[in-house]
PDB file of N, CA and C in Angstrom:
ATOM      1  N   MET A   1      56.589 -19.457   8.167  1.00  0.00           N
ATOM      2  CA  MET A   1      56.379 -19.549   9.589  1.00  0.00           C
ATOM      3  C   MET A   1      54.880 -19.465   9.870  1.00  0.00           C
ATOM      4  N   ILE A   2      54.425 -20.237  10.803  1.00  0.00           N
ATOM      5  CA  ILE A   2      53.021 -20.230  11.184  1.00  0.00           C
ATOM      6  C   ILE A   2      52.813 -19.130  12.222  1.00  0.00           C
ATOM      7  N   ALA A   3      51.858 -18.235  11.969  1.00  0.00           N
ATOM      8  CA  ALA A   3      51.567 -17.144  12.891  1.00  0.00           C
ATOM      9  C   ALA A   3      50.585 -17.580  13.970  1.00  0.00           C
ATOM     10  N   TYR A   4      49.589 -18.384  13.590  1.00  0.00           N
ATOM     11  CA  TYR A   4      48.620 -18.857  14.565  1.00  0.00           C
ATOM     12  C   TYR A   4      47.927 -20.101  14.035  1.00  0.00           C
ATOM     13  N   VAL A   5      47.295 -20.815  14.962  1.00  0.00           N
ATOM     14  CA  VAL A   5      46.485 -21.984  14.649  1.00  0.00           C
ATOM     15  C   VAL A   5      45.151 -21.769  15.344  1.00  0.00           C
ATOM     16  N   THR A   6      44.064 -22.015  14.636  1.00  0.00           N
ATOM     17  CA  THR A   6      42.730 -21.910  15.221  1.00  0.00           C
ATOM     18  C   THR A   6      42.033 -23.255  15.091  1.00  0.00           C
ATOM     19  N   VAL A   7      41.421 -23.703  16.175  1.00  0.00           N
ATOM     20  CA  VAL A   7      40.608 -24.912  16.138  1.00  0.00           C
ATOM     21  C   VAL A   7      39.200 -24.554  16.583  1.00  0.00           C
ATOM     22  N   GLY A   8      38.227 -25.233  16.017  1.00  0.00           N
ATOM     23  CA  GLY A   8      36.840 -25.033  16.409  1.00  0.00           C
ATOM     24  C   GLY A   8      36.484 -25.943  17.565  1.00  0.00           C
ATOM     25  N   ALA A   9      35.581 -25.470  18.414  1.00  0.00           N
ATOM     26  CA  ALA A   9      35.128 -26.273  19.546  1.00  0.00           C
ATOM     27  C   ALA A   9      33.640 -26.045  19.762  1.00  0.00           C
ATOM     28  N   ASP A  10      32.938 -27.114  20.086  1.00  0.00           N
ATOM     29  CA  ASP A  10      31.515 -27.014  20.385  1.00  0.00           C
ATOM     30  C   ASP A  10      31.283 -26.576  21.829  1.00  0.00           C
ATOM     31  N   ASP A  11      32.199 -26.919  22.711  1.00  0.00           N
ATOM     32  CA  ASP A  11      32.064 -26.608  24.139  1.00  0.00           C
ATOM     33  C   ASP A  11      33.339 -25.891  24.577  1.00  0.00           C
ATOM     34  N   ILE A  12      33.282 -24.559  24.634  1.00  0.00           N
ATOM     35  CA  ILE A  12      34.474 -23.760  24.956  1.00  0.00           C
ATOM     36  C   ILE A  12      34.960 -24.056  26.375  1.00  0.00           C
ATOM     37  N   ALA A  13      34.050 -24.260  27.330  1.00  0.00           N
ATOM     38  CA  ALA A  13      34.457 -24.554  28.709  1.00  0.00           C
ATOM     39  C   ALA A  13      35.229 -25.870  28.780  1.00  0.00           C
ATOM     40  N   GLN A  14      34.758 -26.880  28.069  1.00  0.00           N
ATOM     41  CA  GLN A  14      35.459 -28.165  28.047  1.00  0.00           C
ATOM     42  C   GLN A  14      36.805 -28.016  27.337  1.00  0.00           C
ATOM     43  N   ALA A  15      36.843 -27.261  26.253  1.00  0.00           N
ATOM     44  CA  ALA A  15      38.099 -27.021  25.540  1.00  0.00           C
ATOM     45  C   ALA A  15      39.090 -26.288  26.437  1.00  0.00           C
ATOM     46  N   LYS A  16      38.591 -25.353  27.234  1.00  0.00           N
ATOM     47  CA  LYS A  16      39.467 -24.618  28.155  1.00  0.00           C
ATOM     48  C   LYS A  16      40.098 -25.577  29.157  1.00  0.00           C
ATOM     49  N   ARG A  17      39.305 -26.492  29.719  1.00  0.00           N
ATOM     50  CA  ARG A  17      39.863 -27.470  30.659  1.00  0.00           C
ATOM     51  C   ARG A  17      40.931 -28.325  29.983  1.00  0.00           C
ATOM     52  N   PHE A  18      40.664 -28.755  28.752  1.00  0.00           N
ATOM     53  CA  PHE A  18      41.610 -29.610  28.036  1.00  0.00           C
ATOM     54  C   PHE A  18      42.915 -28.864  27.734  1.00  0.00           C
ATOM     55  N   TYR A  19      42.825 -27.732  27.043  1.00  0.00           N
ATOM     56  CA  TYR A  19      44.036 -27.024  26.628  1.00  0.00           C
ATOM     57  C   TYR A  19      44.772 -26.384  27.798  1.00  0.00           C
ATOM     58  N   SER A  20      44.046 -25.983  28.835  1.00  0.00           N
ATOM     59  CA  SER A  20      44.695 -25.385  29.999  1.00  0.00           C
ATOM     60  C   SER A  20      45.394 -26.424  30.863  1.00  0.00           C
ATOM     61  N   ALA A  21      45.186 -27.698  30.570  1.00  0.00           N
ATOM     62  CA  ALA A  21      45.889 -28.754  31.300  1.00  0.00           C
ATOM     63  C   ALA A  21      47.349 -28.860  30.877  1.00  0.00           C
ATOM     64  N   PHE A  22      47.684 -28.409  29.655  1.00  0.00           N
ATOM     65  CA  PHE A  22      49.073 -28.552  29.227  1.00  0.00           C
ATOM     66  C   PHE A  22      49.691 -27.289  28.637  1.00  0.00           C
ATOM     67  N   LEU A  23      48.919 -26.398  28.053  1.00  0.00           N
ATOM     68  CA  LEU A  23      49.531 -25.222  27.431  1.00  0.00           C
ATOM     69  C   LEU A  23      50.247 -24.314  28.430  1.00  0.00           C
ATOM     70  N   PRO A  24      49.739 -24.086  29.648  1.00  0.00           N
ATOM     71  CA  PRO A  24      50.513 -23.275  30.595  1.00  0.00           C
ATOM     72  C   PRO A  24      51.873 -23.898  30.931  1.00  0.00           C
ATOM     73  N   ALA A  25      51.968 -25.223  30.939  1.00  0.00           N
ATOM     74  CA  ALA A  25      53.257 -25.881  31.194  1.00  0.00           C
ATOM     75  C   ALA A  25      54.251 -25.621  30.067  1.00  0.00           C
ATOM     76  N   LEU A  26      53.735 -25.246  28.899  1.00  0.00           N
ATOM     77  CA  LEU A  26      54.592 -24.902  27.758  1.00  0.00           C
ATOM     78  C   LEU A  26      54.749 -23.390  27.633  1.00  0.00           C
ATOM     79  N   ASN A  27      54.391 -22.668  28.683  1.00  0.00           N
ATOM     80  CA  ASN A  27      54.503 -21.205  28.809  1.00  0.00           C
ATOM     81  C   ASN A  27      53.437 -20.416  28.070  1.00  0.00           C
ATOM     82  N   TYR A  28      52.404 -21.061  27.559  1.00  0.00           N
ATOM     83  CA  TYR A  28      51.328 -20.321  26.906  1.00  0.00           C
ATOM     84  C   TYR A  28      50.429 -19.700  27.978  1.00  0.00           C
ATOM     85  N   GLY A  29      50.130 -18.420  27.820  1.00  0.00           N
ATOM     86  CA  GLY A  29      49.186 -17.742  28.691  1.00  0.00           C
ATOM     87  C   GLY A  29      47.822 -17.710  28.041  1.00  0.00           C
ATOM     88  N   LEU A  30      46.779 -17.673  28.845  1.00  0.00           N
ATOM     89  CA  LEU A  30      45.405 -17.680  28.345  1.00  0.00           C
ATOM     90  C   LEU A  30      44.790 -16.297  28.468  1.00  0.00           C
ATOM     91  N   LYS A  31      44.139 -15.874  27.405  1.00  0.00           N
ATOM     92  CA  LYS A  31      43.316 -14.672  27.427  1.00  0.00           C
ATOM     93  C   LYS A  31      41.951 -15.101  26.905  1.00  0.00           C
ATOM     94  N   GLU A  32      40.921 -14.917  27.736  1.00  0.00           N
ATOM     95  CA  GLU A  32      39.567 -15.258  27.313  1.00  0.00           C
ATOM     96  C   GLU A  32      38.928 -14.026  26.693  1.00  0.00           C
ATOM     97  N   VAL A  33      38.400 -14.204  25.502  1.00  0.00           N
ATOM     98  CA  VAL A  33      37.747 -13.113  24.782  1.00  0.00           C
ATOM     99  C   VAL A  33      36.345 -13.581  24.384  1.00  0.00           C
ATOM    100  N   SER A  34      35.512 -12.661  23.963  1.00  0.00           N
ATOM    101  CA  SER A  34      34.133 -13.023  23.631  1.00  0.00           C
ATOM    102  C   SER A  34      34.060 -14.050  22.504  1.00  0.00           C
ATOM    103  N   GLU A  35      35.081 -14.085  21.629  1.00  0.00           N
ATOM    104  CA  GLU A  35      35.078 -15.032  20.506  1.00  0.00           C
ATOM    105  C   GLU A  35      35.651 -16.384  20.883  1.00  0.00           C
ATOM    106  N   GLY A  36      36.148 -16.573  22.109  1.00  0.00           N
ATOM    107  CA  GLY A  36      36.714 -17.857  22.491  1.00  0.00           C
ATOM    108  C   GLY A  36      37.958 -17.691  23.341  1.00  0.00           C
ATOM    109  N   LEU A  37      38.916 -18.573  23.148  1.00  0.00           N
ATOM    110  CA  LEU A  37      40.141 -18.604  23.942  1.00  0.00           C
ATOM    111  C   LEU A  37      41.337 -18.248  23.078  1.00  0.00           C
ATOM    112  N   SER A  38      42.250 -17.473  23.637  1.00  0.00           N
ATOM    113  CA  SER A  38      43.488 -17.121  22.941  1.00  0.00           C
ATOM    114  C   SER A  38      44.657 -17.502  23.835  1.00  0.00           C
ATOM    115  N   TYR A  39      45.508 -18.384  23.336  1.00  0.00           N
ATOM    116  CA  TYR A  39      46.717 -18.778  24.059  1.00  0.00           C
ATOM    117  C   TYR A  39      47.912 -18.208  23.318  1.00  0.00           C
ATOM    118  N   ALA A  40      48.826 -17.580  24.054  1.00  0.00           N
ATOM    119  CA  ALA A  40      50.010 -16.999  23.427  1.00  0.00           C
ATOM    120  C   ALA A  40      51.196 -17.140  24.365  1.00  0.00           C
ATOM    121  N   LEU A  41      52.373 -17.176  23.772  1.00  0.00           N
ATOM    122  CA  LEU A  41      53.607 -17.208  24.544  1.00  0.00           C
ATOM    123  C   LEU A  41      53.940 -15.797  25.006  1.00  0.00           C
ATOM    124  N   PRO A  42      54.635 -15.677  26.142  1.00  0.00           N
ATOM    125  CA  PRO A  42      54.983 -14.340  26.629  1.00  0.00           C
ATOM    126  C   PRO A  42      55.933 -13.644  25.657  1.00  0.00           C
ATOM    127  N   VAL A  43      55.852 -12.309  25.619  1.00  0.00           N
ATOM    128  CA  VAL A  43      56.708 -11.514  24.748  1.00  0.00           C
ATOM    129  C   VAL A  43      57.660 -10.713  25.634  1.00  0.00           C
ATOM    130  N   PRO A  44      58.946 -11.075  25.630  1.00  0.00           N
ATOM    131  CA  PRO A  44      59.905 -10.304  26.413  1.00  0.00           C
ATOM    132  C   PRO A  44      59.968  -8.857  25.905  1.00  0.00           C
ATOM    133  N   SER A  45      60.209  -7.941  26.809  1.00  0.00           N
ATOM    134  CA  SER A  45      60.279  -6.521  26.464  1.00  0.00           C
ATOM    135  C   SER A  45      61.262  -6.281  25.326  1.00  0.00           C
ATOM    136  N   GLY A  46      60.800  -5.562  24.314  1.00  0.00           N
ATOM    137  CA  GLY A  46      61.650  -5.207  23.184  1.00  0.00           C
ATOM    138  C   GLY A  46      61.826  -6.305  22.154  1.00  0.00           C
ATOM    139  N   GLN A  47      61.118  -7.425  22.299  1.00  0.00           N
ATOM    140  CA  GLN A  47      61.255  -8.528  21.345  1.00  0.00           C
ATOM    141  C   GLN A  47      59.948  -8.765  20.622  1.00  0.00           C
ATOM    142  N   ARG A  48      60.066  -9.440  19.494  1.00  0.00           N
ATOM    143  CA  ARG A  48      58.875  -9.822  18.726  1.00  0.00           C
ATOM    144  C   ARG A  48      58.227 -11.044  19.361  1.00  0.00           C
ATOM    145  N   PRO A  49      56.915 -11.220  19.145  1.00  0.00           N
ATOM    146  CA  PRO A  49      56.236 -12.399  19.702  1.00  0.00           C
ATOM    147  C   PRO A  49      56.828 -13.707  19.170  1.00  0.00           C
ATOM    148  N   THR A  50      56.833 -14.717  20.024  1.00  0.00           N
ATOM    149  CA  THR A  50      57.192 -16.069  19.615  1.00  0.00           C
ATOM    150  C   THR A  50      55.919 -16.727  19.129  1.00  0.00           C
ATOM    151  N   LEU A  51      55.938 -17.253  17.943  1.00  0.00           N
ATOM    152  CA  LEU A  51      54.744 -17.823  17.332  1.00  0.00           C
ATOM    153  C   LEU A  51      54.809 -19.346  17.367  1.00  0.00           C
ATOM    154  N   PRO A  52      53.697 -20.039  17.216  1.00  0.00           N
ATOM    155  CA  PRO A  52      52.379 -19.528  16.866  1.00  0.00           C
ATOM    156  C   PRO A  52      51.514 -19.269  18.092  1.00  0.00           C
ATOM    157  N   ASP A  53      50.540 -18.372  17.938  1.00  0.00           N
ATOM    158  CA  ASP A  53      49.455 -18.234  18.899  1.00  0.00           C
ATOM    159  C   ASP A  53      48.478 -19.369  18.607  1.00  0.00           C
ATOM    160  N   PHE A  54      47.649 -19.689  19.587  1.00  0.00           N
ATOM    161  CA  PHE A  54      46.703 -20.785  19.443  1.00  0.00           C
ATOM    162  C   PHE A  54      45.335 -20.306  19.897  1.00  0.00           C
ATOM    163  N   TYR A  55      44.338 -20.426  19.021  1.00  0.00           N
ATOM    164  CA  TYR A  55      42.992 -19.944  19.308  1.00  0.00           C
ATOM    165  C   TYR A  55      41.993 -21.093  19.298  1.00  0.00           C
ATOM    166  N   VAL A  56      41.054 -21.048  20.234  1.00  0.00           N
ATOM    167  CA  VAL A  56      39.956 -22.003  20.295  1.00  0.00           C
ATOM    168  C   VAL A  56      38.683 -21.178  20.207  1.00  0.00           C
ATOM    169  N   LYS A  57      37.879 -21.433  19.171  1.00  0.00           N
ATOM    170  CA  LYS A  57      36.690 -20.623  18.929  1.00  0.00           C
ATOM    171  C   LYS A  57      35.524 -21.512  18.504  1.00  0.00           C
ATOM    172  N   PRO A  58      34.312 -20.982  18.644  1.00  0.00           N
ATOM    173  CA  PRO A  58      33.184 -21.711  18.070  1.00  0.00           C
ATOM    174  C   PRO A  58      33.383 -21.817  16.553  1.00  0.00           C
ATOM    175  N   THR A  59      32.748 -22.783  15.934  1.00  0.00           N
ATOM    176  CA  THR A  59      32.913 -22.944  14.491  1.00  0.00           C
ATOM    177  C   THR A  59      32.364 -21.726  13.750  1.00  0.00           C
ATOM    178  N   PHE A  60      32.926 -21.455  12.584  1.00  0.00           N
ATOM    179  CA  PHE A  60      32.529 -20.283  11.809  1.00  0.00           C
ATOM    180  C   PHE A  60      31.094 -20.380  11.294  1.00  0.00           C
ATOM    181  N   ASN A  61      30.676 -21.600  10.928  1.00  0.00           N
ATOM    182  CA  ASN A  61      29.357 -21.747  10.315  1.00  0.00           C
ATOM    183  C   ASN A  61      28.282 -22.250  11.276  1.00  0.00           C
ATOM    184  N   GLY A  62      28.629 -22.409  12.566  1.00  0.00           N
ATOM    185  CA  GLY A  62      27.644 -22.856  13.541  1.00  0.00           C
ATOM    186  C   GLY A  62      27.379 -24.347  13.533  1.00  0.00           C
ATOM    187  N   GLN A  63      27.997 -25.083  12.626  1.00  0.00           N
ATOM    188  CA  GLN A  63      27.845 -26.533  12.568  1.00  0.00           C
ATOM    189  C   GLN A  63      28.777 -27.169  13.600  1.00  0.00           C
ATOM    190  N   PRO A  64      28.566 -28.445  13.953  1.00  0.00           N
ATOM    191  CA  PRO A  64      29.457 -29.101  14.918  1.00  0.00           C
ATOM    192  C   PRO A  64      30.915 -29.097  14.441  1.00  0.00           C
ATOM    193  N   ALA A  65      31.822 -28.954  15.401  1.00  0.00           N
ATOM    194  CA  ALA A  65      33.241 -29.013  15.089  1.00  0.00           C
ATOM    195  C   ALA A  65      33.617 -30.434  14.694  1.00  0.00           C
ATOM    196  N   THR A  66      34.421 -30.572  13.665  1.00  0.00           N
ATOM    197  CA  THR A  66      34.903 -31.876  13.222  1.00  0.00           C
ATOM    198  C   THR A  66      36.396 -31.790  12.971  1.00  0.00           C
ATOM    199  N   ALA A  67      37.046 -32.936  12.975  1.00  0.00           N
ATOM    200  CA  ALA A  67      38.481 -32.983  12.701  1.00  0.00           C
ATOM    201  C   ALA A  67      38.731 -32.806  11.217  1.00  0.00           C
ATOM    202  N   GLY A  68      39.783 -32.102  10.880  1.00  0.00           N
ATOM    203  CA  GLY A  68      40.177 -31.965   9.488  1.00  0.00           C
ATOM    204  C   GLY A  68      40.808 -33.254   8.999  1.00  0.00           C
ATOM    205  N   ASN A  69      40.606 -33.578   7.763  1.00  0.00           N
ATOM    206  CA  ASN A  69      41.188 -34.774   7.178  1.00  0.00           C
ATOM    207  C   ASN A  69      42.667 -34.519   6.931  1.00  0.00           C
ATOM    208  N   GLY A  70      43.518 -35.110   7.745  1.00  0.00           N
ATOM    209  CA  GLY A  70      44.954 -34.922   7.608  1.00  0.00           C
ATOM    210  C   GLY A  70      45.489 -33.734   8.385  1.00  0.00           C
ATOM    211  N   ALA A  71      44.644 -33.009   9.100  1.00  0.00           N
ATOM    212  CA  ALA A  71      45.114 -31.865   9.885  1.00  0.00           C
ATOM    213  C   ALA A  71      45.803 -32.348  11.153  1.00  0.00           C
ATOM    214  N   MET A  72      46.845 -31.626  11.569  1.00  0.00           N
ATOM    215  CA  MET A  72      47.572 -31.971  12.786  1.00  0.00           C
ATOM    216  C   MET A  72      48.129 -30.693  13.386  1.00  0.00           C
ATOM    217  N   VAL A  73      48.052 -30.601  14.697  1.00  0.00           N
ATOM    218  CA  VAL A  73      48.661 -29.493  15.424  1.00  0.00           C
ATOM    219  C   VAL A  73      49.602 -30.111  16.438  1.00  0.00           C
ATOM    220  N   ALA A  74      50.838 -29.640  16.495  1.00  0.00           N
ATOM    221  CA  ALA A  74      51.816 -30.160  17.443  1.00  0.00           C
ATOM    222  C   ALA A  74      52.425 -29.008  18.222  1.00  0.00           C
ATOM    223  N   PHE A  75      52.546 -29.174  19.537  1.00  0.00           N
ATOM    224  CA  PHE A  75      53.197 -28.196  20.391  1.00  0.00           C
ATOM    225  C   PHE A  75      54.552 -28.757  20.794  1.00  0.00           C
ATOM    226  N   GLU A  76      55.580 -27.938  20.729  1.00  0.00           N
ATOM    227  CA  GLU A  76      56.919 -28.372  21.086  1.00  0.00           C
ATOM    228  C   GLU A  76      57.076 -28.371  22.602  1.00  0.00           C
ATOM    229  N   ALA A  77      57.554 -29.485  23.129  1.00  0.00           N
ATOM    230  CA  ALA A  77      57.859 -29.603  24.554  1.00  0.00           C
ATOM    231  C   ALA A  77      59.326 -30.007  24.672  1.00  0.00           C
ATOM    232  N   PRO A  78      59.977 -29.610  25.752  1.00  0.00           N
ATOM    233  CA  PRO A  78      61.397 -29.916  25.884  1.00  0.00           C
ATOM    234  C   PRO A  78      61.707 -31.410  25.981  1.00  0.00           C
ATOM    235  N   ASN A  79      60.749 -32.204  26.512  1.00  0.00           N
ATOM    236  CA  ASN A  79      61.005 -33.634  26.661  1.00  0.00           C
ATOM    237  C   ASN A  79      59.695 -34.392  26.873  1.00  0.00           C
ATOM    238  N   GLN A  80      59.745 -35.718  26.734  1.00  0.00           N
ATOM    239  CA  GLN A  80      58.566 -36.569  26.899  1.00  0.00           C
ATOM    240  C   GLN A  80      58.032 -36.527  28.330  1.00  0.00           C
ATOM    241  N   SER A  81      58.911 -36.379  29.300  1.00  0.00           N
ATOM    242  CA  SER A  81      58.485 -36.335  30.685  1.00  0.00           C
ATOM    243  C   SER A  81      57.509 -35.190  30.923  1.00  0.00           C
ATOM    244  N   GLN A  82      57.792 -34.028  30.361  1.00  0.00           N
ATOM    245  CA  GLN A  82      56.888 -32.904  30.526  1.00  0.00           C
ATOM    246  C   GLN A  82      55.538 -33.181  29.881  1.00  0.00           C
ATOM    247  N   VAL A  83      55.537 -33.810  28.734  1.00  0.00           N
ATOM    248  CA  VAL A  83      54.290 -34.138  28.056  1.00  0.00           C
ATOM    249  C   VAL A  83      53.464 -35.094  28.904  1.00  0.00           C
ATOM    250  N   ARG A  84      54.101 -36.097  29.454  1.00  0.00           N
ATOM    251  CA  ARG A  84      53.376 -37.117  30.202  1.00  0.00           C
ATOM    252  C   ARG A  84      52.828 -36.598  31.533  1.00  0.00           C
ATOM    253  N   THR A  85      53.404 -35.554  32.106  1.00  0.00           N
ATOM    254  CA  THR A  85      52.899 -35.027  33.377  1.00  0.00           C
ATOM    255  C   THR A  85      51.716 -34.078  33.180  1.00  0.00           C
ATOM    256  N   CYS A  86      51.426 -33.683  31.971  1.00  0.00           N
ATOM    257  CA  CYS A  86      50.313 -32.749  31.672  1.00  0.00           C
ATOM    258  C   CYS A  86      49.116 -33.545  31.202  1.00  0.00           C
ATOM    259  N   THR A  87      48.395 -34.134  32.107  1.00  0.00           N
ATOM    260  CA  THR A  87      47.233 -34.943  31.765  1.00  0.00           C
ATOM    261  C   THR A  87      45.969 -34.126  31.975  1.00  0.00           C
ATOM    262  N   PRO A  88      45.147 -33.942  30.925  1.00  0.00           N
ATOM    263  CA  PRO A  88      43.900 -33.192  31.091  1.00  0.00           C
ATOM    264  C   PRO A  88      42.985 -33.845  32.119  1.00  0.00           C
ATOM    265  N   GLN A  89      42.347 -33.035  32.925  1.00  0.00           N
ATOM    266  CA  GLN A  89      41.401 -33.524  33.925  1.00  0.00           C
ATOM    267  C   GLN A  89      39.982 -33.434  33.368  1.00  0.00           C
ATOM    268  N   PRO A  90      39.156 -34.460  33.589  1.00  0.00           N
ATOM    269  CA  PRO A  90      37.777 -34.431  33.084  1.00  0.00           C
ATOM    270  C   PRO A  90      36.943 -33.356  33.751  1.00  0.00           C
TER     271      PRO A  90
END
């Protein structure tokens, strides 16, 4: 099971606009921390967290963020209609 996914970003404010355009529609809540953005699903009282958490942070080595060769992150949505209504705003 995947516990979390972390992606690097050069512009945290721009990344926040992008990911906040659709992750809240999938029930992810945002917590902003000094190291970047943390998105997590709500945890019902008395239950374990639903994974994965999703983190957006500056790159570890200070170099520009780049795409991984063959890397992919997918978020589960109940249907295509929900995906299509979550369009990131510039």
